[in-house]
Protein backbone atom coordinates (compact mmCIF):
# COMPACT_ATOMS: atom_id res chain seq x y z
CA MET A 1 130.49 105.77 81.61
CA ARG A 2 132.32 102.98 79.75
CA LEU A 3 131.25 99.27 79.80
CA ASP A 4 134.02 96.88 80.36
CA PRO A 5 134.01 94.49 77.35
CA GLY A 6 134.44 91.51 79.81
CA GLU A 7 131.26 92.51 81.32
CA LEU A 8 129.28 92.92 78.24
CA TYR A 9 129.78 89.41 77.31
CA ASP A 10 129.56 88.08 80.91
CA VAL A 11 126.04 89.67 81.14
CA ALA A 12 125.10 88.52 77.80
CA ASP A 13 126.02 84.89 78.43
CA ALA A 14 124.53 84.99 81.93
CA PHE A 15 121.08 86.17 80.56
CA GLY A 16 121.29 84.49 76.95
CA VAL A 17 120.70 87.88 75.27
CA ASP A 18 122.34 89.79 72.50
CA LEU A 19 124.79 92.41 72.84
CA ASP A 20 122.58 95.36 72.32
CA GLN A 21 120.34 94.40 75.19
CA VAL A 22 123.19 94.44 77.78
CA ARG A 23 124.38 97.96 76.08
CA ARG A 24 120.77 99.05 76.99
CA ASP A 25 120.82 97.78 80.49
CA HIS A 26 124.12 99.38 81.14
CA VAL A 27 122.78 102.76 80.26
CA ILE A 28 119.79 102.09 82.50
CA SER A 29 122.13 101.78 85.48
CA HIS A 30 123.56 105.14 84.79
CA VAL A 31 120.00 106.59 84.67
CA LEU A 32 119.03 104.96 87.85
CA ALA A 33 122.16 106.37 89.37
CA SER A 34 121.36 109.98 88.24
CA ILE A 35 117.68 109.56 89.44
CA ALA A 36 119.00 108.63 92.75
CA ARG A 37 121.67 111.04 93.00
CA ARG A 38 119.26 114.29 92.04
CA GLU A 39 115.64 113.33 92.22
CA ARG A 40 115.36 110.05 94.22
CA ASP A 41 112.47 111.60 96.24
CA ARG A 42 110.32 112.35 93.56
CA PHE A 43 109.97 109.01 92.19
CA VAL A 44 109.10 105.32 93.04
CA PHE A 45 110.78 103.06 90.47
CA TYR A 46 108.49 100.03 89.87
CA GLY A 47 107.57 97.50 87.02
CA GLY A 48 109.79 94.75 85.36
CA THR A 49 112.82 96.95 85.26
CA ALA A 50 112.57 97.53 89.16
CA LEU A 51 112.04 93.92 89.75
CA SER A 52 115.11 93.27 87.71
CA ARG A 53 117.09 95.33 89.93
CA THR A 54 115.82 94.49 93.41
CA TRP A 55 113.90 91.26 94.15
CA THR A 56 114.70 89.21 90.86
CA PRO A 57 118.09 90.58 89.82
CA ASP A 58 119.08 87.27 87.84
CA ALA A 59 115.79 86.54 86.37
CA ARG A 60 115.64 88.88 82.85
CA LEU A 61 116.98 92.04 81.51
CA SER A 62 114.06 94.49 80.73
CA GLU A 63 113.81 97.52 78.48
CA ASP A 64 112.16 100.54 80.09
CA VAL A 65 111.84 102.58 83.07
CA ASP A 66 108.58 102.79 84.78
CA LEU A 67 108.36 105.52 87.53
CA LEU A 68 105.39 106.62 89.68
CA VAL A 69 105.66 110.77 90.30
CA ARG A 70 105.10 112.14 93.81
CA GLY A 71 104.17 115.76 93.07
CA SER A 72 103.79 117.58 89.77
CA ARG A 73 104.24 115.09 86.98
CA ALA A 74 105.34 117.97 84.47
CA GLU A 75 108.02 119.12 86.85
CA ALA A 76 109.18 115.64 87.64
CA GLY A 77 109.52 115.06 83.79
CA ARG A 78 111.46 118.34 83.56
CA ALA A 79 113.75 117.48 86.39
CA LEU A 80 114.38 113.84 84.89
CA ALA A 81 115.37 115.34 81.79
CA ALA A 82 117.82 117.90 83.12
CA ALA A 83 119.24 115.24 85.57
CA LEU A 84 120.02 112.95 82.73
CA ALA A 85 121.37 115.90 80.60
CA ALA A 86 123.92 116.72 83.31
CA ASP A 87 125.09 113.00 84.26
CA LEU A 88 125.01 111.11 81.01
CA GLY A 89 125.18 113.97 78.54
CA PRO A 90 128.89 114.81 78.72
CA HIS A 91 129.66 111.09 78.28
CA VAL A 92 127.43 110.09 75.02
CA PRO A 93 127.58 111.33 71.72
CA SER A 94 123.99 112.71 71.88
CA LEU A 95 121.21 112.27 74.07
CA SER A 96 117.58 113.11 72.76
CA TRP A 97 114.04 112.50 73.85
CA SER A 98 111.08 111.75 71.38
CA LYS A 99 108.95 113.78 73.34
CA PRO A 100 110.04 116.02 76.59
CA PRO A 101 109.06 113.85 79.60
CA GLY A 102 107.78 117.25 81.16
CA GLU A 103 105.11 117.36 78.33
CA ALA A 104 103.97 113.95 78.11
CA ARG A 105 100.49 112.70 79.19
CA ASP A 106 100.00 110.40 82.33
CA ALA A 107 101.71 107.24 81.84
CA GLU A 108 102.37 108.18 78.03
CA ALA A 109 105.45 106.42 76.73
CA VAL A 110 108.36 108.60 75.64
CA PHE A 111 111.93 107.44 74.48
CA LEU A 112 115.37 108.57 75.55
CA LEU A 113 117.78 108.13 72.40
CA VAL A 114 121.24 107.67 73.65
CA GLY A 115 123.94 107.89 70.89
CA ASP A 116 122.92 105.76 67.77
CA ASP A 117 122.05 102.24 69.37
CA VAL A 118 120.29 102.90 72.62
CA THR A 119 116.85 103.58 73.04
CA ILE A 120 115.27 103.47 76.37
CA LYS A 121 111.47 103.83 77.00
CA PHE A 122 110.21 105.88 80.13
CA GLN A 123 106.86 106.06 81.37
CA LEU A 124 105.95 108.49 84.22
CA ALA A 125 102.83 107.92 85.89
CA SER A 126 101.30 109.88 88.75
CA VAL A 127 100.69 108.47 92.32
CA SER A 128 97.50 110.47 92.37
CA GLY A 129 94.30 108.45 91.83
CA ARG A 130 96.44 105.15 92.07
CA PRO A 131 96.64 102.64 95.09
CA ALA A 132 99.15 103.56 97.77
CA TRP A 133 101.34 100.74 97.33
CA PRO A 134 103.87 100.30 100.42
CA THR A 135 107.31 101.25 99.31
CA GLU A 136 110.70 101.29 100.92
CA PRO A 137 114.21 102.75 99.85
CA VAL A 138 116.64 100.01 98.46
CA GLU A 139 120.03 99.71 96.98
CA VAL A 140 119.10 98.77 93.60
CA VAL A 141 121.23 96.07 91.69
CA GLN A 142 123.71 98.02 89.25
CA ARG A 143 125.32 95.12 87.50
CA TYR A 144 128.12 97.05 86.05
CA GLY A 145 131.33 98.17 87.77
CA ASP A 146 131.32 101.90 86.10
CA ALA A 147 127.77 102.52 87.58
CA PRO A 148 127.53 104.59 90.71
CA PRO A 149 125.38 103.09 93.44
CA ALA A 150 121.87 103.95 93.68
CA ARG A 151 119.42 104.03 96.40
CA LEU A 152 115.71 104.42 95.21
CA HIS A 153 112.32 104.00 96.31
CA VAL A 154 110.59 100.93 95.08
CA PRO A 155 107.77 98.77 96.10
CA THR A 156 108.22 96.34 99.03
CA ARG A 157 108.55 92.46 98.26
CA ALA A 158 105.01 92.07 98.92
CA ALA A 159 103.84 94.79 97.17
CA ALA A 160 105.92 93.85 94.39
CA ALA A 161 104.20 90.71 93.98
CA ALA A 162 100.64 91.99 94.36
CA MET A 163 101.60 94.96 91.74
CA LYS A 164 102.67 92.12 89.32
CA LEU A 165 99.45 90.15 89.85
CA ALA A 166 97.42 93.20 89.38
CA ALA A 167 99.25 93.80 86.05
CA TRP A 168 98.83 90.22 84.92
CA SER A 169 95.03 90.25 85.76
CA ASP A 170 94.77 93.39 83.69
CA ARG A 171 96.68 92.78 80.67
CA ARG A 172 97.90 89.27 80.72
CA ALA A 173 101.18 90.03 79.10
CA ALA A 174 103.80 87.20 79.07
CA ARG A 175 106.59 89.44 81.05
CA ASP A 176 104.09 89.76 83.96
CA LEU A 177 103.48 86.00 84.08
CA TYR A 178 106.98 85.33 83.75
CA ASP A 179 107.90 87.96 86.72
CA LEU A 180 105.29 86.40 88.95
CA TRP A 181 106.91 82.90 88.07
CA GLU A 182 110.20 84.24 89.38
CA LEU A 183 108.88 85.75 92.39
CA GLN A 184 106.98 82.53 93.28
CA ARG A 185 110.31 80.58 92.84
CA ARG A 186 111.87 82.99 95.36
CA GLY A 187 109.23 82.61 97.93
CA LEU A 188 107.97 86.01 97.44
CA VAL A 189 104.36 84.90 96.80
CA ASP A 190 103.30 84.55 100.41
CA ALA A 191 100.90 85.60 103.12
CA ALA A 192 102.32 89.20 102.97
CA ALA A 193 101.63 89.54 99.42
CA VAL A 194 98.05 88.28 99.51
CA HIS A 195 97.55 91.08 102.30
CA ALA A 196 98.95 93.53 100.03
CA TRP A 197 96.70 92.40 97.28
CA THR A 198 93.66 92.55 99.28
CA HIS A 199 94.19 95.94 100.70
CA PHE A 200 95.70 97.53 97.77
CA GLY A 201 94.99 95.68 94.98
CA PRO A 202 91.96 95.50 92.61
CA SER A 203 89.86 93.00 94.83
CA SER A 204 89.64 92.73 98.56
CA ARG A 205 89.36 88.96 97.99
CA PRO A 206 92.53 86.83 97.44
CA PRO A 207 93.29 85.85 93.94
CA GLY A 208 91.21 83.01 92.37
CA ALA A 209 91.97 80.29 89.67
CA TRP A 210 90.24 82.75 87.10
CA ILE A 211 93.25 85.04 86.92
CA PHE A 212 95.23 81.98 85.48
CA ALA A 213 92.46 80.64 83.10
CA SER A 214 94.30 82.03 79.94
CA VAL A 215 97.70 82.21 79.42
CA PRO A 216 99.91 83.22 76.43
CA SER A 217 100.81 80.84 73.58
CA GLU A 218 103.93 79.31 73.58
CA ARG A 219 104.97 81.32 70.55
CA ASP A 220 103.98 84.48 72.50
CA TRP A 221 105.80 83.66 75.18
CA ARG A 222 108.80 83.17 73.67
CA ASP A 223 108.71 85.95 71.28
CA GLN A 224 107.98 88.56 74.10
CA LEU A 225 110.58 86.91 76.48
CA GLY A 226 113.29 85.01 74.54
CA HIS A 227 115.26 88.09 73.88
CA GLN A 228 115.49 88.76 77.59
CA THR A 229 116.51 85.86 79.39
CA ARG A 230 117.00 81.91 79.03
CA LEU A 231 113.76 80.63 79.10
CA ASP A 232 113.53 77.30 80.95
CA VAL A 233 109.82 77.14 81.81
CA THR A 234 106.69 77.06 79.49
CA ALA A 235 103.88 79.63 79.81
CA ARG A 236 101.44 77.03 80.90
CA ASP A 237 103.98 75.49 83.83
CA ALA A 238 104.77 78.98 84.82
CA ALA A 239 100.96 79.74 85.25
CA ARG A 240 100.39 76.36 87.23
CA ALA A 241 103.20 77.07 89.44
CA VAL A 242 102.22 80.74 90.20
CA GLU A 243 98.38 79.89 90.77
CA ASP A 244 99.58 76.99 93.23
CA ALA A 245 101.64 79.72 94.99
CA TRP A 246 99.09 82.19 95.47
CA THR A 247 96.65 79.44 96.48
CA ARG A 248 98.97 78.31 99.29
CA ALA A 249 99.77 81.76 100.22
CA ALA A 250 96.09 82.59 100.66
CA GLY A 251 95.61 79.58 103.04
CA GLY A 252 93.91 77.26 100.42
């Protein structure tokens, strides 16, 4: 588990981020490999980091690991901690949790501290009581030469787009709007995404313009995203492009 200096600087330059962001992303690659090796069928890997390792791999470097849990969340949390201790523990100076993930409440944030300079946020949420978004097994992008391959269950392309829209409609976070912009830029806001939204999302009707009526200020946009990617679009322009894409996809 050794990050090649050339890769460190190449990834930092590609995304326009600092070196600590790349070091965190590198450890996340090994986290994903460990999950895939030992506990793949317990989890669905979703959210911004999942997007950055599947459908939008060159968009941004994310900072956390969001997992939907099949079965007992407490057992899954204990299994996750054991897997990472076995696979990462021998290769890092120290490995500790802010709180054992097996003791965390549903979707409660817990933090993995790796050595002195890497912290990764985890959220484990039970699939029980949540929409049954379609998933598929995918070889995720591992980005670094020393990271083993990882095949994980993730939302399908259509489900990922609809889930991001649901997240945006709920919390209006800049990162959700940016991810939607990246998805539409790749043609992934389409009829299949609208179908996923109307069948599994918060509304049985196609998304309307009201979802994009309020956008982050430009200051918030850059504060929340500037350390994760090279921003070359404004919040307002991103919202306009995303709204247009969903309107076209819905047949409007």
